Amino acid sequence: MRSIAFALAALSFVVLAPARAADPQYHLIGQPGVVTLVNLHPDEKAKRLYSVNYQLDGLMPACTKVKILSVTNKKMDFQVEGGDKYEYVFHDTMKDPIAKHLDKYFGTACPRKKIDSLAGVNKQGFKEGRILPGMTKDAVILAAGYPPEHATPSLESSTWKYWRNKFATHSVVFQGGKVAKR
């Protein structure tokens, strides 16, 4: 009788316990030939990046070869080919599903034609990983990545909001499709 009561108690726990959301399945985990699609700005000391795309001092150029090691609901771990391991932390304000978000930053085809077509201030901003007056929206994305979607829900907007860190933001204002104020 006692074992039946224990079994029923255990069964009720299994049935009543809240389900933990399964970690996402991401198609680039362990795949060869993965690269960064835009410049990334990691915290080099902590070896960390954030989905809100903090514009930190580190620069990991577009087309850097990486290996994605794992993806959970909280973060992605990856390693630069022949180099350091990093974690990419998902902020709770992230609107896109994890896979869709990551596909903006990581892929298997380096955007070499786009990069090679950059000239003038667009090329300079990309190489430096900075947003400069006169840059186009496409060049800003290559140089600095995407603005966080919760603060800039549409790339058609004339103002994009980026974070320097947890506490400081800055806006990029476009006029005629080019950076007028940063």
Protein backbone atom coordinates (compact mmCIF):
# COMPACT_ATOMS: atom_id res chain seq x y z
CA MET A 1 0.00 0.00 0.00
CA ARG A 2 2.81 2.35 0.90
CA SER A 3 4.55 1.79 -2.45
CA ILE A 4 1.29 2.56 -4.30
CA ALA A 5 0.93 5.86 -2.41
CA PHE A 6 4.55 6.75 -3.23
CA ALA A 7 4.04 5.89 -6.90
CA LEU A 8 0.89 8.06 -7.05
CA ALA A 9 2.70 10.95 -5.38
CA ALA A 10 5.59 10.65 -7.84
CA LEU A 11 3.16 10.47 -10.78
CA SER A 12 1.31 13.59 -9.61
CA PHE A 13 4.62 15.45 -9.41
CA VAL A 14 5.51 14.49 -12.98
CA VAL A 15 2.07 15.51 -14.25
CA LEU A 16 1.84 18.74 -12.24
CA ALA A 17 5.45 19.94 -12.53
CA PRO A 18 5.80 22.77 -15.06
CA ALA A 19 7.53 21.74 -18.25
CA ARG A 20 10.92 23.32 -18.93
CA ALA A 21 11.13 24.80 -22.39
CA ALA A 22 13.39 22.66 -24.53
CA ASP A 23 16.61 24.22 -25.72
CA PRO A 24 16.33 25.35 -29.34
CA GLN A 25 17.66 23.24 -32.15
CA TYR A 26 19.93 25.46 -34.23
CA HIS A 27 21.00 24.32 -37.68
CA LEU A 28 24.56 25.69 -37.48
CA ILE A 29 25.67 23.85 -34.31
CA GLY A 30 28.88 21.99 -35.18
CA GLN A 31 28.62 22.82 -38.89
CA PRO A 32 31.79 23.60 -40.85
CA GLY A 33 32.25 26.87 -42.73
CA VAL A 34 30.28 29.13 -40.35
CA VAL A 35 31.25 32.81 -40.41
CA THR A 36 30.14 36.08 -38.87
CA LEU A 37 27.91 38.01 -41.28
CA VAL A 38 28.55 41.45 -39.77
CA ASN A 39 31.17 42.97 -37.50
CA LEU A 40 30.61 41.93 -33.90
CA HIS A 41 31.61 43.98 -30.86
CA PRO A 42 32.47 41.59 -28.01
CA ASP A 43 33.49 42.32 -24.46
CA GLU A 44 37.01 40.95 -24.99
CA LYS A 45 37.80 40.69 -21.29
CA ALA A 46 34.71 38.55 -20.53
CA LYS A 47 34.68 36.88 -23.99
CA ARG A 48 30.99 37.73 -24.25
CA LEU A 49 28.52 39.28 -26.70
CA TYR A 50 24.88 40.18 -26.16
CA SER A 51 21.79 39.88 -28.35
CA VAL A 52 21.06 43.56 -27.67
CA ASN A 53 24.26 44.22 -29.61
CA TYR A 54 26.15 46.41 -27.15
CA GLN A 55 28.63 48.49 -29.13
CA LEU A 56 31.66 47.50 -27.06
CA ASP A 57 35.29 48.20 -27.93
CA GLY A 58 36.14 44.72 -29.24
CA LEU A 59 35.94 44.04 -32.96
CA MET A 60 35.37 40.65 -34.53
CA PRO A 61 35.24 41.39 -38.27
CA ALA A 62 32.57 40.08 -40.61
CA CYS A 63 33.62 36.80 -42.25
CA THR A 64 35.48 35.59 -39.15
CA LYS A 65 35.37 31.78 -39.17
CA VAL A 66 33.67 30.33 -36.11
CA LYS A 67 32.35 27.03 -34.81
CA ILE A 68 29.05 27.10 -32.97
CA LEU A 69 29.40 24.75 -30.01
CA SER A 70 25.98 24.87 -28.34
CA VAL A 71 22.74 26.84 -28.09
CA THR A 72 20.41 26.97 -25.09
CA ASN A 73 17.48 29.24 -24.27
CA LYS A 74 19.90 31.55 -22.47
CA LYS A 75 23.01 31.69 -24.66
CA MET A 76 25.05 30.37 -27.53
CA ASP A 77 28.67 29.25 -27.13
CA PHE A 78 31.04 29.52 -30.08
CA GLN A 79 34.74 29.49 -30.82
CA VAL A 80 36.71 31.55 -33.29
CA GLU A 81 38.63 29.22 -35.59
CA GLY A 82 42.00 28.65 -33.94
CA GLY A 83 41.15 31.08 -31.16
CA ASP A 84 39.06 32.07 -28.19
CA LYS A 85 35.68 30.79 -27.03
CA TYR A 86 32.85 33.30 -26.59
CA GLU A 87 29.35 33.25 -25.24
CA TYR A 88 26.51 35.11 -26.93
CA VAL A 89 23.93 35.92 -24.26
CA PHE A 90 20.25 36.24 -25.20
CA HIS A 91 18.63 39.25 -23.54
CA ASP A 92 15.01 38.93 -22.41
CA THR A 93 14.00 41.77 -24.74
CA MET A 94 14.88 39.75 -27.84
CA LYS A 95 11.78 39.64 -30.06
CA ASP A 96 12.85 37.25 -32.83
CA PRO A 97 13.05 33.51 -32.20
CA ILE A 98 16.61 32.48 -31.32
CA ALA A 99 17.36 30.83 -34.68
CA LYS A 100 16.06 33.80 -36.69
CA HIS A 101 18.08 36.21 -34.55
CA LEU A 102 21.29 34.20 -34.86
CA ASP A 103 20.85 33.84 -38.64
CA LYS A 104 21.30 37.63 -38.93
CA TYR A 105 24.76 37.36 -37.37
CA PHE A 106 26.05 33.90 -38.35
CA GLY A 107 25.85 31.96 -41.60
CA THR A 108 27.80 29.92 -44.12
CA ALA A 109 28.31 32.56 -46.83
CA CYS A 110 30.57 35.50 -46.13
CA PRO A 111 29.01 38.67 -47.58
CA ARG A 112 32.24 39.35 -49.48
CA LYS A 113 30.57 41.03 -52.49
CA LYS A 114 28.78 43.50 -50.21
CA ILE A 115 31.96 44.23 -48.29
CA ASP A 116 34.10 44.61 -51.41
CA SER A 117 31.55 47.01 -52.92
CA LEU A 118 31.91 49.44 -50.00
CA ALA A 119 33.72 52.69 -50.78
CA GLY A 120 34.60 55.92 -49.05
CA VAL A 121 33.04 56.48 -45.64
CA ASN A 122 31.15 53.18 -45.85
CA LYS A 123 34.41 51.26 -46.24
CA GLN A 124 36.14 53.27 -43.51
CA GLY A 125 33.27 52.73 -41.04
CA PHE A 126 33.17 49.01 -41.80
CA LYS A 127 36.93 48.57 -41.34
CA GLU A 128 36.85 50.47 -38.05
CA GLY A 129 33.61 48.88 -36.87
CA ARG A 130 32.14 52.34 -36.29
CA ILE A 131 29.12 54.29 -37.48
CA LEU A 132 30.22 57.40 -39.35
CA PRO A 133 28.23 60.29 -40.86
CA GLY A 134 27.32 59.59 -44.48
CA MET A 135 27.18 55.78 -44.16
CA THR A 136 24.26 53.92 -45.73
CA LYS A 137 21.97 51.66 -43.69
CA ASP A 138 23.50 48.53 -45.26
CA ALA A 139 27.01 49.72 -44.38
CA VAL A 140 25.93 50.51 -40.80
CA ILE A 141 24.60 46.95 -40.42
CA LEU A 142 27.88 45.51 -41.73
CA ALA A 143 29.95 47.78 -39.46
CA ALA A 144 27.90 47.66 -36.26
CA GLY A 145 25.34 44.88 -36.62
CA TYR A 146 21.61 45.26 -36.28
CA PRO A 147 20.02 47.59 -33.75
CA PRO A 148 18.08 45.67 -31.07
CA GLU A 149 14.63 44.89 -32.48
CA HIS A 150 12.80 45.94 -29.32
CA ALA A 151 14.17 49.49 -29.67
CA THR A 152 14.16 49.66 -33.47
CA PRO A 153 11.31 47.42 -34.65
CA SER A 154 11.76 48.40 -38.30
CA LEU A 155 14.92 49.00 -40.29
CA GLU A 156 12.78 51.34 -42.42
CA SER A 157 12.79 53.78 -39.48
CA SER A 158 14.83 56.96 -39.84
CA THR A 159 16.21 56.52 -36.30
CA TRP A 160 17.96 53.41 -35.00
CA LYS A 161 18.81 52.99 -31.34
CA TYR A 162 21.96 51.17 -30.21
CA TRP A 163 23.39 50.53 -26.75
CA ARG A 164 26.99 51.22 -25.78
CA ASN A 165 26.46 49.18 -22.61
CA LYS A 166 23.68 48.41 -20.09
CA PHE A 167 23.25 52.07 -19.21
CA ALA A 168 24.15 54.22 -22.23
CA THR A 169 22.31 54.40 -25.54
CA HIS A 170 22.85 56.38 -28.69
CA SER A 171 20.64 57.03 -31.68
CA VAL A 172 21.64 56.97 -35.31
CA VAL A 173 19.52 59.32 -37.42
CA PHE A 174 19.28 58.77 -41.17
CA GLN A 175 18.32 61.38 -43.75
CA GLY A 176 18.04 60.34 -47.36
CA GLY A 177 19.17 56.83 -46.41
CA LYS A 178 22.50 58.01 -44.95
CA VAL A 179 23.71 58.69 -41.41
CA ALA A 180 23.07 62.35 -40.61
CA LYS A 181 23.62 62.17 -36.85
CA ARG A 182 25.13 59.55 -34.55
